[in-house]
Amino acid sequence: MQPDRFARLAALRGDVVTGIPTSAWANNLDDIDREVLLRAVIEVIRTLILPEWESKRPGDRRPHAALEATEAWLAAKTEDHVAAAKTAAKDCTAARNDTFGKDHRIADAARGMAWAVTAKDSTPIWEALQNIEQELLARVTLVAEYHRLPEQRRAILKVLQRVLAPPQEEAAPAATGPVPYSASGNFAVGQTLTHPKFGDLVVTAAGDKWIDVRLPDGSTKRLAQKPK
């Protein structure tokens, strides 16, 4: 995943009301696997805008149902799941109409996820991202916190990046302490070993079938090792 795509999206100016166009999302994210992208945008919806819907309409699960239907289809692409996604999308259309002018963009974004199940391209995904940004912009504009406008897209990108490009776990550091000696092992000069009889050893020389080791008292002993 190229990190510069997120930097480009963050740097775009965008309109203070409509945000950046769907073409900007498409130009930067269209090469990502569509199913992975769907999962990422579902996470953005759940993280950034769905809580507002839940706080105002706790009994209305139409957007939730659309996201869940999409996830069910992602898990198993059956005809039943396709039909369920279509039904959920239509229910979200009704939810959008019921809330137009207030929270309709939340239902619209969720509807886009369900429509994406049967869409021929990723247009519903780009439209969902645009709806998410517009919803977030509308919230800060409503309270005249215009200085927070640039933060809204960065919040979207932060969630997208968390799903699409999670930080790589650092590999555990290689063990640097002594390793147990075994005649079936293979060892290198400078390596430290432990021996049940001789204690801690240091390999001072190595041949095809043998190693010389320095014992704790400073003396040297030859031990067997497995040929390379």
C-alpha atoms as a PDB file:
ATOM      1  CA  MET A   1       0.000   0.000   0.000  1.00  0.00           C
ATOM      2  CA  GLN A   2       1.520   3.310  -1.078  1.00  0.00           C
ATOM      3  CA  PRO A   3       1.488   5.825   1.797  1.00  0.00           C
ATOM      4  CA  ASP A   4       1.719   8.767  -0.610  1.00  0.00           C
ATOM      5  CA  ARG A   5      -1.867   8.150  -1.805  1.00  0.00           C
ATOM      6  CA  PHE A   6      -3.104   9.157   1.649  1.00  0.00           C
ATOM      7  CA  ALA A   7      -0.844  12.218   1.641  1.00  0.00           C
ATOM      8  CA  ARG A   8      -2.229  13.257  -1.761  1.00  0.00           C
ATOM      9  CA  LEU A   9      -5.818  12.884  -0.577  1.00  0.00           C
ATOM     10  CA  ALA A  10      -5.085  14.854   2.578  1.00  0.00           C
ATOM     11  CA  ALA A  11      -3.469  17.657   0.593  1.00  0.00           C
ATOM     12  CA  LEU A  12      -6.396  18.212  -1.791  1.00  0.00           C
ATOM     13  CA  ARG A  13      -8.177  21.467  -1.090  1.00  0.00           C
ATOM     14  CA  GLY A  14     -11.775  20.400  -1.555  1.00  0.00           C
ATOM     15  CA  ASP A  15     -14.962  22.387  -1.137  1.00  0.00           C
ATOM     16  CA  VAL A  16     -15.953  23.397   2.401  1.00  0.00           C
ATOM     17  CA  VAL A  17     -19.417  21.922   1.848  1.00  0.00           C
ATOM     18  CA  THR A  18     -19.028  19.063  -0.624  1.00  0.00           C
ATOM     19  CA  GLY A  19     -15.454  18.029   0.112  1.00  0.00           C
ATOM     20  CA  ILE A  20     -13.385  16.485  -2.658  1.00  0.00           C
ATOM     21  CA  PRO A  21     -15.077  14.995  -5.741  1.00  0.00           C
ATOM     22  CA  THR A  22     -15.659  11.292  -6.194  1.00  0.00           C
ATOM     23  CA  SER A  23     -13.047  11.326  -8.963  1.00  0.00           C
ATOM     24  CA  ALA A  24     -10.362  12.218  -6.413  1.00  0.00           C
ATOM     25  CA  TRP A  25     -11.206   9.177  -4.291  1.00  0.00           C
ATOM     26  CA  ALA A  26     -11.299   6.988  -7.392  1.00  0.00           C
ATOM     27  CA  ASN A  27      -7.994   8.256  -8.785  1.00  0.00           C
ATOM     28  CA  ASN A  28      -6.167   7.404  -5.566  1.00  0.00           C
ATOM     29  CA  LEU A  29      -7.905   4.223  -4.396  1.00  0.00           C
ATOM     30  CA  ASP A  30      -9.212   2.475  -7.505  1.00  0.00           C
ATOM     31  CA  ASP A  31      -6.303   0.019  -7.656  1.00  0.00           C
ATOM     32  CA  ILE A  32      -7.188  -1.447  -4.247  1.00  0.00           C
ATOM     33  CA  ASP A  33      -9.064  -4.744  -4.152  1.00  0.00           C
ATOM     34  CA  ARG A  34     -12.758  -3.859  -4.144  1.00  0.00           C
ATOM     35  CA  GLU A  35     -13.689  -6.158  -1.283  1.00  0.00           C
ATOM     36  CA  VAL A  36     -10.877  -4.845   0.903  1.00  0.00           C
ATOM     37  CA  LEU A  37     -11.991  -1.318   0.097  1.00  0.00           C
ATOM     38  CA  LEU A  38     -15.583  -2.135   1.038  1.00  0.00           C
ATOM     39  CA  ARG A  39     -14.459  -3.391   4.428  1.00  0.00           C
ATOM     40  CA  ALA A  40     -12.407  -0.252   4.958  1.00  0.00           C
ATOM     41  CA  VAL A  41     -15.241   2.143   4.114  1.00  0.00           C
ATOM     42  CA  ILE A  42     -17.653   0.181   6.318  1.00  0.00           C
ATOM     43  CA  GLU A  43     -15.190   0.745   9.159  1.00  0.00           C
ATOM     44  CA  VAL A  44     -15.092   4.485   8.396  1.00  0.00           C
ATOM     45  CA  ILE A  45     -18.888   4.672   8.530  1.00  0.00           C
ATOM     46  CA  ARG A  46     -19.059   2.768  11.806  1.00  0.00           C
ATOM     47  CA  THR A  47     -16.278   4.792  13.390  1.00  0.00           C
ATOM     48  CA  LEU A  48     -17.026   8.332  12.271  1.00  0.00           C
ATOM     49  CA  ILE A  49     -20.692   8.845  11.411  1.00  0.00           C
ATOM     50  CA  LEU A  50     -22.867   5.946  12.563  1.00  0.00           C
ATOM     51  CA  PRO A  51     -22.602   6.907  16.281  1.00  0.00           C
ATOM     52  CA  GLU A  52     -24.423  10.162  15.480  1.00  0.00           C
ATOM     53  CA  TRP A  53     -27.289   8.213  13.918  1.00  0.00           C
ATOM     54  CA  GLU A  54     -27.416   5.882  16.924  1.00  0.00           C
ATOM     55  CA  SER A  55     -27.581   8.778  19.368  1.00  0.00           C
ATOM     56  CA  LYS A  56     -30.519  10.400  17.562  1.00  0.00           C
ATOM     57  CA  ARG A  57     -32.340   7.299  16.296  1.00  0.00           C
ATOM     58  CA  PRO A  58     -31.477   4.413  18.607  1.00  0.00           C
ATOM     59  CA  GLY A  59     -34.338   2.280  17.305  1.00  0.00           C
ATOM     60  CA  ASP A  60     -33.601   2.792  13.606  1.00  0.00           C
ATOM     61  CA  ARG A  61     -31.143   0.157  12.397  1.00  0.00           C
ATOM     62  CA  ARG A  62     -31.564   0.640   8.674  1.00  0.00           C
ATOM     63  CA  PRO A  63     -27.981   1.857   8.120  1.00  0.00           C
ATOM     64  CA  HIS A  64     -26.674  -0.897  10.384  1.00  0.00           C
ATOM     65  CA  ALA A  65     -28.594  -3.492   8.391  1.00  0.00           C
ATOM     66  CA  ALA A  66     -27.044  -2.249   5.152  1.00  0.00           C
ATOM     67  CA  LEU A  67     -23.524  -2.586   6.527  1.00  0.00           C
ATOM     68  CA  GLU A  68     -24.281  -6.012   7.981  1.00  0.00           C
ATOM     69  CA  ALA A  69     -25.826  -7.221   4.721  1.00  0.00           C
ATOM     70  CA  THR A  70     -22.716  -6.110   2.845  1.00  0.00           C
ATOM     71  CA  GLU A  71     -20.467  -7.939   5.288  1.00  0.00           C
ATOM     72  CA  ALA A  72     -22.609 -11.073   4.983  1.00  0.00           C
ATOM     73  CA  TRP A  73     -22.187 -10.953   1.206  1.00  0.00           C
ATOM     74  CA  LEU A  74     -18.430 -10.468   1.583  1.00  0.00           C
ATOM     75  CA  ALA A  75     -18.316 -13.575   3.759  1.00  0.00           C
ATOM     76  CA  ALA A  76     -20.450 -15.704   1.410  1.00  0.00           C
ATOM     77  CA  LYS A  77     -21.557 -14.508  -2.011  1.00  0.00           C
ATOM     78  CA  THR A  78     -24.900 -16.292  -2.146  1.00  0.00           C
ATOM     79  CA  GLU A  79     -28.057 -15.200  -3.932  1.00  0.00           C
ATOM     80  CA  ASP A  80     -29.753 -14.807  -0.556  1.00  0.00           C
ATOM     81  CA  HIS A  81     -27.093 -12.374   0.574  1.00  0.00           C
ATOM     82  CA  VAL A  82     -27.372 -10.431  -2.683  1.00  0.00           C
ATOM     83  CA  ALA A  83     -31.137 -10.171  -2.172  1.00  0.00           C
ATOM     84  CA  ALA A  84     -30.660  -9.085   1.436  1.00  0.00           C
ATOM     85  CA  ALA A  85     -28.210  -6.367   0.364  1.00  0.00           C
ATOM     86  CA  LYS A  86     -30.674  -5.048  -2.229  1.00  0.00           C
ATOM     87  CA  THR A  87     -33.444  -4.925   0.383  1.00  0.00           C
ATOM     88  CA  ALA A  88     -31.171  -3.153   2.870  1.00  0.00           C
ATOM     89  CA  ALA A  89     -30.171  -0.620   0.224  1.00  0.00           C
ATOM     90  CA  LYS A  90     -33.827   0.156  -0.531  1.00  0.00           C
ATOM     91  CA  ASP A  91     -34.525   0.551   3.189  1.00  0.00           C
ATOM     92  CA  CYS A  92     -31.651   3.003   3.407  1.00  0.00           C
ATOM     93  CA  THR A  93     -33.161   4.977   0.542  1.00  0.00           C
ATOM     94  CA  ALA A  94     -36.290   5.342   2.673  1.00  0.00           C
ATOM     95  CA  ALA A  95     -34.135   6.293   5.678  1.00  0.00           C
ATOM     96  CA  ARG A  96     -32.359   8.882   3.565  1.00  0.00           C
ATOM     97  CA  ASN A  97     -35.689  10.393   2.514  1.00  0.00           C
ATOM     98  CA  ASP A  98     -36.962  10.374   6.091  1.00  0.00           C
ATOM     99  CA  THR A  99     -33.957  12.342   7.328  1.00  0.00           C
ATOM    100  CA  PHE A 100     -33.184  14.556   4.341  1.00  0.00           C
ATOM    101  CA  GLY A 101     -31.549  17.801   5.389  1.00  0.00           C
ATOM    102  CA  LYS A 102     -30.262  16.465   8.692  1.00  0.00           C
ATOM    103  CA  ASP A 103     -28.592  13.061   8.865  1.00  0.00           C
ATOM    104  CA  HIS A 104     -29.461  11.746   5.406  1.00  0.00           C
ATOM    105  CA  ARG A 105     -25.813  11.412   4.388  1.00  0.00           C
ATOM    106  CA  ILE A 106     -25.315   8.703   7.008  1.00  0.00           C
ATOM    107  CA  ALA A 107     -28.053   6.570   5.478  1.00  0.00           C
ATOM    108  CA  ASP A 108     -26.739   7.458   2.026  1.00  0.00           C
ATOM    109  CA  ALA A 109     -23.220   6.249   2.849  1.00  0.00           C
ATOM    110  CA  ALA A 110     -24.530   2.981   4.294  1.00  0.00           C
ATOM    111  CA  ARG A 111     -26.769   2.545   1.257  1.00  0.00           C
ATOM    112  CA  GLY A 112     -23.706   2.865  -0.972  1.00  0.00           C
ATOM    113  CA  MET A 113     -22.102  -0.142   0.716  1.00  0.00           C
ATOM    114  CA  ALA A 114     -25.159  -2.312   0.029  1.00  0.00           C
ATOM    115  CA  TRP A 115     -25.515  -1.079  -3.564  1.00  0.00           C
ATOM    116  CA  ALA A 116     -21.837  -1.869  -4.150  1.00  0.00           C
ATOM    117  CA  VAL A 117     -22.672  -5.573  -3.835  1.00  0.00           C
ATOM    118  CA  THR A 118     -24.325  -5.603  -7.268  1.00  0.00           C
ATOM    119  CA  ALA A 119     -22.707  -2.526  -8.832  1.00  0.00           C
ATOM    120  CA  LYS A 120     -20.673  -2.931 -12.009  1.00  0.00           C
ATOM    121  CA  ASP A 121     -17.974  -0.583 -10.723  1.00  0.00           C
ATOM    122  CA  SER A 122     -16.886   1.163  -7.518  1.00  0.00           C
ATOM    123  CA  THR A 123     -18.987   4.295  -7.975  1.00  0.00           C
ATOM    124  CA  PRO A 124     -21.136   3.594  -4.865  1.00  0.00           C
ATOM    125  CA  ILE A 125     -17.960   3.384  -2.791  1.00  0.00           C
ATOM    126  CA  TRP A 126     -16.665   6.749  -4.007  1.00  0.00           C
ATOM    127  CA  GLU A 127     -20.079   8.298  -3.405  1.00  0.00           C
ATOM    128  CA  ALA A 128     -20.126   6.830   0.108  1.00  0.00           C
ATOM    129  CA  LEU A 129     -16.746   8.400   0.886  1.00  0.00           C
ATOM    130  CA  GLN A 130     -17.999  11.732  -0.421  1.00  0.00           C
ATOM    131  CA  ASN A 131     -21.117  11.450   1.758  1.00  0.00           C
ATOM    132  CA  ILE A 132     -18.987  10.690   4.801  1.00  0.00           C
ATOM    133  CA  GLU A 133     -16.839  13.766   4.255  1.00  0.00           C
ATOM    134  CA  GLN A 134     -19.867  15.963   3.615  1.00  0.00           C
ATOM    135  CA  GLU A 135     -21.484  14.729   6.840  1.00  0.00           C
ATOM    136  CA  LEU A 136     -18.371  15.530   8.853  1.00  0.00           C
ATOM    137  CA  LEU A 137     -17.982  18.940   7.217  1.00  0.00           C
ATOM    138  CA  ALA A 138     -21.624  19.766   7.934  1.00  0.00           C
ATOM    139  CA  ARG A 139     -21.143  19.001  11.623  1.00  0.00           C
ATOM    140  CA  VAL A 140     -18.268  21.425  12.161  1.00  0.00           C
ATOM    141  CA  THR A 141     -19.864  24.075   9.953  1.00  0.00           C
ATOM    142  CA  LEU A 142     -23.061  23.873  12.003  1.00  0.00           C
ATOM    143  CA  VAL A 143     -21.179  24.980  15.119  1.00  0.00           C
ATOM    144  CA  ALA A 144     -18.992  27.441  13.176  1.00  0.00           C
ATOM    145  CA  GLU A 145     -15.790  25.538  13.936  1.00  0.00           C
ATOM    146  CA  TYR A 146     -14.358  26.307  10.527  1.00  0.00           C
ATOM    147  CA  HIS A 147     -10.788  25.807  11.715  1.00  0.00           C
ATOM    148  CA  ARG A 148     -11.609  22.097  12.026  1.00  0.00           C
ATOM    149  CA  LEU A 149     -12.613  21.619   8.385  1.00  0.00           C
ATOM    150  CA  PRO A 150      -9.231  20.161   7.310  1.00  0.00           C
ATOM    151  CA  GLU A 151      -9.394  17.637  10.156  1.00  0.00           C
ATOM    152  CA  GLN A 152     -12.438  15.886   8.754  1.00  0.00           C
ATOM    153  CA  ARG A 153     -10.819  14.261   5.729  1.00  0.00           C
ATOM    154  CA  ARG A 154      -7.762  13.405   7.784  1.00  0.00           C
ATOM    155  CA  ALA A 155     -10.059  11.509  10.160  1.00  0.00           C
ATOM    156  CA  ILE A 156     -11.428   9.514   7.212  1.00  0.00           C
ATOM    157  CA  LEU A 157      -7.945   8.781   5.911  1.00  0.00           C
ATOM    158  CA  LYS A 158      -6.755   7.690   9.339  1.00  0.00           C
ATOM    159  CA  VAL A 159      -9.416   4.977   9.508  1.00  0.00           C
ATOM    160  CA  LEU A 160      -8.880   3.956   5.871  1.00  0.00           C
ATOM    161  CA  GLN A 161      -5.163   3.668   6.413  1.00  0.00           C
ATOM    162  CA  ARG A 162      -5.676   1.634   9.583  1.00  0.00           C
ATOM    163  CA  VAL A 163      -7.565  -0.980   7.554  1.00  0.00           C
ATOM    164  CA  LEU A 164      -5.839  -0.738   4.190  1.00  0.00           C
ATOM    165  CA  ALA A 165      -2.247  -0.246   5.337  1.00  0.00           C
ATOM    166  CA  PRO A 166      -1.901  -1.413   8.946  1.00  0.00           C
ATOM    167  CA  PRO A 167       1.550  -0.872  10.476  1.00  0.00           C
ATOM    168  CA  GLN A 168       3.818  -3.841  10.064  1.00  0.00           C
ATOM    169  CA  GLU A 169       4.676  -5.662  13.240  1.00  0.00           C
ATOM    170  CA  GLU A 170       8.357  -5.534  14.010  1.00  0.00           C
ATOM    171  CA  ALA A 171      10.058  -8.875  13.849  1.00  0.00           C
ATOM    172  CA  ALA A 172      11.117 -10.244  17.177  1.00  0.00           C
ATOM    173  CA  PRO A 173      14.841  -9.689  17.719  1.00  0.00           C
ATOM    174  CA  ALA A 174      16.944 -12.746  17.104  1.00  0.00           C
ATOM    175  CA  ALA A 175      18.123 -14.501  20.194  1.00  0.00           C
ATOM    176  CA  THR A 176      21.636 -13.360  21.071  1.00  0.00           C
ATOM    177  CA  GLY A 177      22.285 -15.524  24.138  1.00  0.00           C
ATOM    178  CA  PRO A 178      24.008 -18.910  24.215  1.00  0.00           C
ATOM    179  CA  VAL A 179      22.291 -21.782  22.392  1.00  0.00           C
ATOM    180  CA  PRO A 180      22.377 -25.381  23.624  1.00  0.00           C
ATOM    181  CA  TYR A 181      25.156 -27.469  22.098  1.00  0.00           C
ATOM    182  CA  SER A 182      24.153 -30.590  20.165  1.00  0.00           C
ATOM    183  CA  ALA A 183      26.258 -32.828  17.977  1.00  0.00           C
ATOM    184  CA  SER A 184      23.437 -32.652  15.423  1.00  0.00           C
ATOM    185  CA  GLY A 185      23.672 -28.856  15.296  1.00  0.00           C
ATOM    186  CA  ASN A 186      25.767 -26.612  13.093  1.00  0.00           C
ATOM    187  CA  PHE A 187      27.644 -23.675  14.588  1.00  0.00           C
ATOM    188  CA  ALA A 188      29.715 -20.692  13.474  1.00  0.00           C
ATOM    189  CA  VAL A 189      32.902 -19.106  14.770  1.00  0.00           C
ATOM    190  CA  GLY A 190      32.123 -16.579  17.496  1.00  0.00           C
ATOM    191  CA  GLN A 191      28.836 -18.234  18.490  1.00  0.00           C
ATOM    192  CA  THR A 192      28.221 -18.852  22.184  1.00  0.00           C
ATOM    193  CA  LEU A 193      26.958 -22.255  23.327  1.00  0.00           C
ATOM    194  CA  THR A 194      25.928 -23.951  26.537  1.00  0.00           C
ATOM    195  CA  HIS A 195      27.025 -27.491  27.323  1.00  0.00           C
ATOM    196  CA  PRO A 196      25.539 -29.634  30.128  1.00  0.00           C
ATOM    197  CA  LYS A 197      29.054 -30.728  31.190  1.00  0.00           C
ATOM    198  CA  PHE A 198      31.405 -27.914  30.157  1.00  0.00           C
ATOM    199  CA  GLY A 199      29.162 -24.890  30.756  1.00  0.00           C
ATOM    200  CA  ASP A 200      29.303 -21.779  28.551  1.00  0.00           C
ATOM    201  CA  LEU A 201      31.433 -22.150  25.432  1.00  0.00           C
ATOM    202  CA  VAL A 202      32.615 -19.915  22.591  1.00  0.00           C
ATOM    203  CA  VAL A 203      33.266 -21.371  19.127  1.00  0.00           C
ATOM    204  CA  THR A 204      36.817 -20.440  18.099  1.00  0.00           C
ATOM    205  CA  ALA A 205      37.167 -22.572  14.954  1.00  0.00           C
ATOM    206  CA  ALA A 206      34.907 -24.684  12.794  1.00  0.00           C
ATOM    207  CA  GLY A 207      35.426 -27.479  10.310  1.00  0.00           C
ATOM    208  CA  ASP A 208      33.090 -29.638   8.296  1.00  0.00           C
ATOM    209  CA  LYS A 209      32.351 -32.069  11.149  1.00  0.00           C
ATOM    210  CA  TRP A 210      33.908 -30.383  14.163  1.00  0.00           C
ATOM    211  CA  ILE A 211      34.195 -27.164  16.146  1.00  0.00           C
ATOM    212  CA  ASP A 212      36.807 -25.952  18.573  1.00  0.00           C
ATOM    213  CA  VAL A 213      35.377 -24.240  21.629  1.00  0.00           C
ATOM    214  CA  ARG A 214      36.885 -22.226  24.436  1.00  0.00           C
ATOM    215  CA  LEU A 215      35.828 -23.414  27.875  1.00  0.00           C
ATOM    216  CA  PRO A 216      35.252 -21.144  30.889  1.00  0.00           C
ATOM    217  CA  ASP A 217      38.755 -21.918  32.205  1.00  0.00           C
ATOM    218  CA  GLY A 218      40.319 -20.739  28.936  1.00  0.00           C
ATOM    219  CA  SER A 219      41.215 -24.179  27.618  1.00  0.00           C
ATOM    220  CA  THR A 220      40.100 -25.430  24.197  1.00  0.00           C
ATOM    221  CA  LYS A 221      38.174 -28.559  23.330  1.00  0.00           C
ATOM    222  CA  ARG A 222      37.072 -30.097  20.043  1.00  0.00           C
ATOM    223  CA  LEU A 223      33.442 -31.154  19.697  1.00  0.00           C
ATOM    224  CA  ALA A 224      31.499 -32.792  16.891  1.00  0.00           C
ATOM    225  CA  GLN A 225      28.921 -30.997  14.751  1.00  0.00           C
ATOM    226  CA  LYS A 226      26.665 -31.965  11.862  1.00  0.00           C
ATOM    227  CA  PRO A 227      28.287 -31.472   8.434  1.00  0.00           C
ATOM    228  CA  LYS A 228      26.911 -28.541   6.429  1.00  0.00           C
END
